[in-house]
Amino acid sequence: MDYLTTISDGWRDLMDNKSDPRTRDYPLMSSPFPTIAISLTYAYVVKVLGPKLMENRKPFELRKVLIVYNAAQVVFSAWLFYESCIGGWLNGYNLRCEPVDYSNSPQAIRTAEGCWWYYFSKFTEFFDTFFFVMRKRYDQVSTLHVIHHGIMPVSVWWGVKFTPGGHSTFFGFLNTFVHIFMYAYYMLAAMGPKVQRYLWWKKYLTVLQMIQFVLVMVHSFQLFFKNDCNYPIGFAYFIGAHAVMFYFLFSNFYKRAYVKRDGKDKSAVKANGHANGYAKALKDGDVTPQNGQLNKNGFQRTFSKFTTEMCNPALNSSTTRQRVLVNAGNK
């Protein structure tokens, strides 16, 4: 019992006496448990409950909703980035080492409030995943996606509670900048095929995110060698460790989504004999003529497939035309 009392007293002392009194009364700042509960609920909804509710429903058509939502996120991210610039990073903050200003000066209060709004923005980003589920785009609800969105509110909560300003806000400074471009991409992608063909730069968003994490790592871990501004070193390592984790998660995604896929595409082109530019494979046996020429092997496969289906459609009854021929032959 004494052991539990000691833990309870230590926890209350940490929350009430060691935290920043300026943010103590901000919404959801009294304890981390509501934030943890919201994040766990988010993970359950997008991985279990949401897909179950959508199981027998058609995907929602959310094009207009997505355009408005992503436009709002662009504006929100731009405002947060502006606040981080005015609050310090383009207004006197030192990249080498920056202490937390715990005073009640206008700039310090503005920075603390900006940190809370950045924390709040991590909840609005949950709608990214909710919309994926409502559209039944479950391939987008990856482990990386859910971990990234689910862990961020909990991580940022500790910063707002204890260090709303100073060195570690560099992460939010970069992150809001990246999100301006990320949500701009999502907004344009939601506008349809006429705009999507100009979005060739999708993979470079992932590159930009990885660069962000590398910069955060370097910026955070430099305090290991010299911390001459007396910044709480634990928070620098905490942010740096997050950057390491997210860097490897995103780099693994990049390799699977772009490097390996591009390699497979190139290998497939060579294997099919289409590297000479005469024909482009659409699927097995189908070719699109280019420069007025057809690939010989592709033509043979197409002709063979055509004659097989025409002479014995029962071998492949997956199309309506074939089912009609089979039924006609059975009469």
Protein backbone atom coordinates (compact mmCIF):
# COMPACT_ATOMS: atom_id res chain seq x y z
CA MET A 1 0.00 0.00 0.00
CA ASP A 2 2.84 2.39 0.86
CA TYR A 3 4.39 1.59 -2.51
CA LEU A 4 1.20 2.55 -4.35
CA THR A 5 0.85 5.70 -2.26
CA THR A 6 4.40 6.71 -3.14
CA ILE A 7 3.72 6.21 -6.85
CA SER A 8 0.46 8.16 -6.62
CA ASP A 9 2.07 11.04 -4.73
CA GLY A 10 4.97 11.14 -7.17
CA TRP A 11 2.59 11.21 -10.11
CA ARG A 12 0.55 14.06 -8.65
CA ASP A 13 3.71 15.99 -7.88
CA LEU A 14 4.86 15.51 -11.47
CA MET A 15 1.53 16.65 -12.93
CA ASP A 16 0.87 19.52 -10.52
CA ASN A 17 4.26 20.87 -9.52
CA LYS A 18 6.75 19.91 -12.23
CA SER A 19 4.63 20.86 -15.24
CA ASP A 20 4.27 24.29 -16.85
CA PRO A 21 1.59 26.21 -14.90
CA ARG A 22 0.70 28.27 -17.97
CA THR A 23 -0.68 25.26 -19.88
CA ARG A 24 -2.04 23.37 -16.87
CA ASP A 25 -5.63 24.52 -17.42
CA TYR A 26 -5.63 24.11 -21.20
CA PRO A 27 -8.14 21.53 -22.55
CA LEU A 28 -6.99 17.90 -22.06
CA MET A 29 -3.84 19.01 -20.25
CA SER A 30 -4.66 17.83 -16.71
CA SER A 31 -3.68 14.22 -17.44
CA PRO A 32 -2.31 12.21 -20.39
CA PHE A 33 -4.93 9.48 -19.99
CA PRO A 34 -7.75 11.19 -21.96
CA THR A 35 -5.34 11.67 -24.87
CA ILE A 36 -4.20 8.05 -24.62
CA ALA A 37 -7.84 6.91 -24.55
CA ILE A 38 -8.70 8.99 -27.63
CA SER A 39 -5.69 7.61 -29.54
CA LEU A 40 -6.53 4.01 -28.64
CA THR A 41 -10.14 4.58 -29.65
CA TYR A 42 -8.94 5.98 -32.96
CA ALA A 43 -6.85 2.85 -33.62
CA TYR A 44 -9.78 0.57 -32.73
CA VAL A 45 -12.21 2.49 -34.94
CA VAL A 46 -10.02 2.55 -38.05
CA LYS A 47 -8.73 -1.02 -37.78
CA VAL A 48 -11.73 -2.90 -36.34
CA LEU A 49 -15.01 -1.05 -35.86
CA GLY A 50 -14.95 1.08 -39.01
CA PRO A 51 -14.28 -1.76 -41.49
CA LYS A 52 -16.92 -3.86 -39.73
CA LEU A 53 -19.55 -1.10 -40.06
CA MET A 54 -18.62 -0.59 -43.72
CA GLU A 55 -18.62 -4.30 -44.53
CA ASN A 56 -22.05 -4.34 -46.19
CA ARG A 57 -22.11 -0.72 -47.29
CA LYS A 58 -20.99 0.95 -50.47
CA PRO A 59 -18.02 3.34 -50.23
CA PHE A 60 -19.01 6.93 -49.55
CA GLU A 61 -18.47 9.49 -52.29
CA LEU A 62 -16.51 12.18 -50.46
CA ARG A 63 -14.80 14.14 -53.22
CA LYS A 64 -16.20 17.54 -52.23
CA VAL A 65 -15.74 16.80 -48.53
CA LEU A 66 -12.10 15.85 -49.12
CA ILE A 67 -11.41 19.02 -51.10
CA VAL A 68 -12.84 21.21 -48.32
CA TYR A 69 -11.16 19.22 -45.53
CA ASN A 70 -7.72 19.24 -47.13
CA ALA A 71 -8.00 22.92 -48.01
CA ALA A 72 -8.81 23.64 -44.36
CA GLN A 73 -5.79 21.57 -43.29
CA VAL A 74 -3.55 23.54 -45.64
CA VAL A 75 -4.74 26.80 -44.05
CA PHE A 76 -4.42 25.37 -40.52
CA SER A 77 -0.90 24.05 -41.19
CA ALA A 78 0.15 27.35 -42.77
CA TRP A 79 -1.10 29.25 -39.72
CA LEU A 80 0.73 26.90 -37.33
CA PHE A 81 3.91 27.28 -39.36
CA TYR A 82 3.53 31.06 -39.27
CA GLU A 83 3.05 30.97 -35.49
CA SER A 84 6.17 28.83 -35.05
CA CYS A 85 8.13 31.34 -37.13
CA ILE A 86 6.86 34.38 -35.22
CA GLY A 87 7.04 32.54 -31.92
CA GLY A 88 10.73 31.90 -32.28
CA TRP A 89 12.29 29.98 -35.16
CA LEU A 90 12.47 33.01 -37.44
CA ASN A 91 12.38 35.47 -34.58
CA GLY A 92 15.43 34.96 -32.42
CA TYR A 93 15.56 31.22 -31.60
CA ASN A 94 19.01 29.63 -31.61
CA LEU A 95 19.35 26.47 -33.72
CA ARG A 96 22.24 25.30 -31.56
CA CYS A 97 20.37 25.31 -28.25
CA GLU A 98 17.19 27.11 -27.21
CA PRO A 99 15.82 27.09 -23.64
CA VAL A 100 12.13 27.15 -22.78
CA ASP A 101 10.86 30.61 -21.90
CA TYR A 102 8.54 29.95 -18.95
CA SER A 103 7.73 33.64 -18.47
CA ASN A 104 4.40 35.33 -19.11
CA SER A 105 5.78 37.58 -21.83
CA PRO A 106 3.52 37.97 -24.89
CA GLN A 107 5.90 35.99 -27.12
CA ALA A 108 6.29 33.16 -24.58
CA ILE A 109 2.51 32.89 -24.09
CA ARG A 110 1.97 32.98 -27.85
CA THR A 111 4.45 30.13 -28.28
CA ALA A 112 2.78 28.06 -25.54
CA GLU A 113 -0.63 28.56 -27.13
CA GLY A 114 0.80 27.65 -30.53
CA CYS A 115 2.14 24.42 -29.05
CA TRP A 116 -1.32 23.54 -27.77
CA TRP A 117 -2.89 24.20 -31.19
CA TYR A 118 -0.25 21.98 -32.76
CA TYR A 119 -1.27 19.27 -30.29
CA PHE A 120 -4.92 19.82 -31.26
CA SER A 121 -4.04 19.50 -34.96
CA LYS A 122 -2.95 15.90 -34.34
CA PHE A 123 -6.59 15.06 -33.58
CA THR A 124 -7.92 16.76 -36.70
CA GLU A 125 -5.54 14.58 -38.71
CA PHE A 126 -7.47 11.51 -37.55
CA PHE A 127 -10.00 12.40 -40.23
CA ASP A 128 -7.44 11.38 -42.86
CA THR A 129 -7.96 7.79 -41.74
CA PHE A 130 -11.69 8.08 -41.09
CA PHE A 131 -12.19 9.15 -44.70
CA PHE A 132 -10.08 6.21 -45.93
CA VAL A 133 -12.33 3.83 -44.00
CA MET A 134 -15.54 5.50 -45.21
CA ARG A 135 -14.29 5.14 -48.79
CA LYS A 136 -13.19 1.54 -48.09
CA ARG A 137 -9.60 2.38 -49.00
CA TYR A 138 -8.24 -0.09 -46.48
CA ASP A 139 -4.94 -0.38 -48.35
CA GLN A 140 -4.22 3.17 -47.15
CA VAL A 141 -4.86 2.29 -43.49
CA SER A 142 -1.43 0.74 -43.08
CA THR A 143 0.42 0.01 -39.86
CA LEU A 144 2.71 2.97 -40.59
CA HIS A 145 -0.26 5.27 -41.09
CA VAL A 146 -2.05 4.23 -37.88
CA ILE A 147 1.11 4.29 -35.73
CA HIS A 148 2.10 7.70 -37.07
CA HIS A 149 -1.31 9.27 -36.46
CA GLY A 150 -2.07 7.42 -33.23
CA ILE A 151 1.18 8.11 -31.41
CA MET A 152 1.56 11.79 -32.27
CA PRO A 153 -1.12 13.26 -29.91
CA VAL A 154 0.33 11.34 -26.96
CA SER A 155 3.87 12.41 -27.80
CA VAL A 156 3.00 16.07 -28.29
CA TRP A 157 0.95 16.13 -25.07
CA TRP A 158 4.11 15.78 -22.95
CA GLY A 159 5.76 18.66 -24.75
CA VAL A 160 2.80 20.99 -24.19
CA LYS A 161 2.57 19.92 -20.55
CA PHE A 162 6.23 20.43 -19.65
CA THR A 163 8.15 22.23 -22.42
CA PRO A 164 5.82 24.41 -24.54
CA GLY A 165 8.59 26.23 -26.35
CA GLY A 166 12.31 26.08 -26.90
CA HIS A 167 14.50 23.48 -28.56
CA SER A 168 12.07 20.64 -29.26
CA THR A 169 9.50 22.83 -30.99
CA PHE A 170 11.80 22.59 -34.01
CA PHE A 171 9.93 19.37 -34.82
CA GLY A 172 6.60 21.19 -35.04
CA PHE A 173 8.21 23.98 -37.04
CA LEU A 174 9.32 21.52 -39.74
CA ASN A 175 6.28 19.28 -39.48
CA THR A 176 3.75 22.05 -40.14
CA PHE A 177 5.81 23.18 -43.14
CA VAL A 178 5.74 19.65 -44.61
CA HIS A 179 2.01 19.36 -43.95
CA ILE A 180 1.28 22.43 -46.06
CA PHE A 181 2.52 20.55 -49.12
CA MET A 182 1.11 17.21 -48.02
CA TYR A 183 -2.45 18.45 -47.63
CA ALA A 184 -2.14 20.55 -50.77
CA TYR A 185 -1.32 17.33 -52.62
CA TYR A 186 -4.32 15.54 -51.09
CA MET A 187 -6.58 18.44 -52.02
CA LEU A 188 -5.42 18.44 -55.63
CA ALA A 189 -5.67 14.64 -55.85
CA ALA A 190 -9.31 14.84 -54.73
CA MET A 191 -10.12 17.11 -57.66
CA GLY A 192 -10.07 14.23 -60.11
CA PRO A 193 -8.12 12.89 -63.11
CA LYS A 194 -7.73 16.26 -64.82
CA VAL A 195 -5.57 17.45 -61.94
CA GLN A 196 -4.08 14.12 -60.85
CA ARG A 197 -1.95 13.82 -63.98
CA TYR A 198 0.09 16.79 -62.74
CA LEU A 199 0.81 15.15 -59.38
CA TRP A 200 3.97 13.35 -60.47
CA TRP A 201 5.73 14.64 -57.36
CA LYS A 202 3.93 12.36 -54.90
CA LYS A 203 6.97 10.30 -53.93
CA TYR A 204 8.96 13.46 -53.22
CA LEU A 205 6.58 14.18 -50.35
CA THR A 206 7.89 11.04 -48.66
CA VAL A 207 11.45 12.20 -49.37
CA LEU A 208 10.61 15.57 -47.81
CA GLN A 209 9.25 13.83 -44.72
CA MET A 210 12.41 11.73 -44.37
CA ILE A 211 14.58 14.85 -44.70
CA GLN A 212 12.46 16.39 -41.95
CA PHE A 213 13.19 13.47 -39.61
CA VAL A 214 16.93 13.59 -40.34
CA LEU A 215 17.03 17.30 -39.51
CA VAL A 216 15.11 16.68 -36.28
CA MET A 217 17.54 13.88 -35.32
CA VAL A 218 20.58 16.09 -35.85
CA HIS A 219 18.96 19.04 -34.10
CA SER A 220 17.87 16.99 -31.08
CA PHE A 221 20.92 14.78 -30.56
CA GLN A 222 23.40 17.65 -30.79
CA LEU A 223 22.49 18.43 -27.16
CA PHE A 224 24.16 15.15 -26.23
CA PHE A 225 27.50 16.84 -26.92
CA LYS A 226 26.75 20.30 -25.60
CA ASN A 227 23.69 21.58 -23.75
CA ASP A 228 24.70 25.10 -22.83
CA CYS A 229 21.13 26.44 -22.60
CA ASN A 230 20.01 24.02 -19.88
CA TYR A 231 17.21 22.57 -22.00
CA PRO A 232 15.54 19.48 -20.41
CA ILE A 233 17.70 16.87 -22.11
CA GLY A 234 15.15 14.08 -21.74
CA PHE A 235 12.72 15.82 -24.07
CA ALA A 236 15.41 16.33 -26.70
CA TYR A 237 16.16 12.60 -26.67
CA PHE A 238 12.43 11.82 -26.67
CA ILE A 239 11.86 13.87 -29.83
CA GLY A 240 15.05 12.54 -31.42
CA ALA A 241 14.00 8.94 -30.78
CA HIS A 242 10.64 9.61 -32.43
CA ALA A 243 12.45 11.04 -35.44
CA VAL A 244 14.60 7.90 -35.70
CA MET A 245 11.56 5.62 -35.50
CA PHE A 246 9.57 7.58 -38.07
CA TYR A 247 12.55 7.86 -40.39
CA PHE A 248 12.94 4.09 -40.60
CA LEU A 249 9.19 3.55 -40.96
CA PHE A 250 8.94 6.08 -43.78
CA SER A 251 12.13 4.90 -45.50
CA ASN A 252 10.83 1.33 -45.43
CA PHE A 253 7.57 2.54 -46.96
CA TYR A 254 9.49 4.45 -49.64
CA LYS A 255 11.52 1.38 -50.59
CA ARG A 256 8.41 -0.81 -50.85
CA ALA A 257 6.26 1.78 -52.61
CA TYR A 258 8.76 3.23 -55.07
CA VAL A 259 12.20 1.60 -55.23
CA LYS A 260 11.09 -2.05 -55.36
CA ARG A 261 8.03 -1.27 -57.46
CA ASP A 262 10.08 0.66 -60.01
CA GLY A 263 12.57 -2.20 -60.15
CA LYS A 264 9.81 -4.74 -60.74
CA ASP A 265 8.26 -2.58 -63.44
CA LYS A 266 11.57 -2.31 -65.28
CA SER A 267 12.22 -6.05 -64.96
CA ALA A 268 8.74 -6.81 -66.26
CA VAL A 269 9.27 -4.57 -69.26
CA LYS A 270 12.51 -6.30 -70.18
CA ALA A 271 11.12 -9.79 -69.57
CA ASN A 272 8.16 -9.14 -71.85
CA GLY A 273 10.39 -7.94 -74.65
CA HIS A 274 8.95 -4.43 -74.57
CA ALA A 275 12.10 -2.56 -73.67
CA ASN A 276 12.51 -1.48 -77.30
CA GLY A 277 9.52 0.86 -77.06
CA TYR A 278 7.47 -0.93 -79.72
CA ALA A 279 4.67 -1.94 -77.36
CA LYS A 280 3.48 -1.29 -73.83
CA ALA A 281 2.05 -4.15 -71.78
CA LEU A 282 -1.32 -3.50 -70.21
CA LYS A 283 -1.89 -7.02 -68.92
CA ASP A 284 -1.01 -10.53 -70.03
CA GLY A 285 -1.66 -10.82 -73.74
CA ASP A 286 -2.77 -7.21 -74.28
CA VAL A 287 -0.64 -4.69 -76.12
CA THR A 288 -0.97 -1.09 -77.19
CA PRO A 289 0.69 -0.29 -80.52
CA GLN A 290 3.23 2.49 -80.53
CA ASN A 291 4.83 4.09 -83.60
CA GLY A 292 2.64 1.89 -85.82
CA GLN A 293 4.32 -1.36 -84.76
CA LEU A 294 3.30 -4.38 -82.69
CA ASN A 295 5.55 -6.61 -80.65
CA LYS A 296 5.51 -10.02 -82.27
CA ASN A 297 5.31 -12.07 -79.07
CA GLY A 298 2.57 -9.83 -77.70
CA PHE A 299 0.56 -10.25 -80.92
CA GLN A 300 0.89 -14.03 -80.78
CA ARG A 301 -0.31 -14.14 -77.18
CA THR A 302 -3.23 -11.86 -78.00
CA PHE A 303 -4.22 -13.91 -81.05
CA SER A 304 -3.92 -17.17 -79.10
CA LYS A 305 -6.07 -15.80 -76.29
CA PHE A 306 -8.65 -14.52 -78.79
CA THR A 307 -8.97 -17.84 -80.65
CA THR A 308 -9.15 -19.85 -77.42
CA GLU A 309 -11.99 -17.72 -76.07
CA MET A 310 -13.89 -17.78 -79.36
CA CYS A 311 -13.54 -21.53 -79.95
CA ASN A 312 -14.01 -22.72 -76.37
CA PRO A 313 -15.50 -19.99 -74.16
CA ALA A 314 -16.23 -22.48 -71.40
CA LEU A 315 -12.52 -22.40 -70.50
CA ASN A 316 -13.01 -18.87 -69.18
CA SER A 317 -16.50 -17.98 -68.04
CA SER A 318 -15.60 -14.78 -66.24
CA THR A 319 -17.15 -12.39 -68.76
CA THR A 320 -20.76 -11.81 -69.71
CA ARG A 321 -20.07 -12.55 -73.37
CA GLN A 322 -18.59 -15.93 -72.51
CA ARG A 323 -21.47 -16.85 -70.22
CA VAL A 324 -23.94 -16.07 -73.00
CA LEU A 325 -22.07 -18.33 -75.45
CA VAL A 326 -21.93 -21.17 -72.94
CA ASN A 327 -25.62 -20.89 -72.16
CA ALA A 328 -26.46 -20.79 -75.84
CA GLY A 329 -24.49 -23.97 -76.43
CA ASN A 330 -26.37 -25.75 -73.66
CA LYS A 331 -29.80 -25.13 -75.13
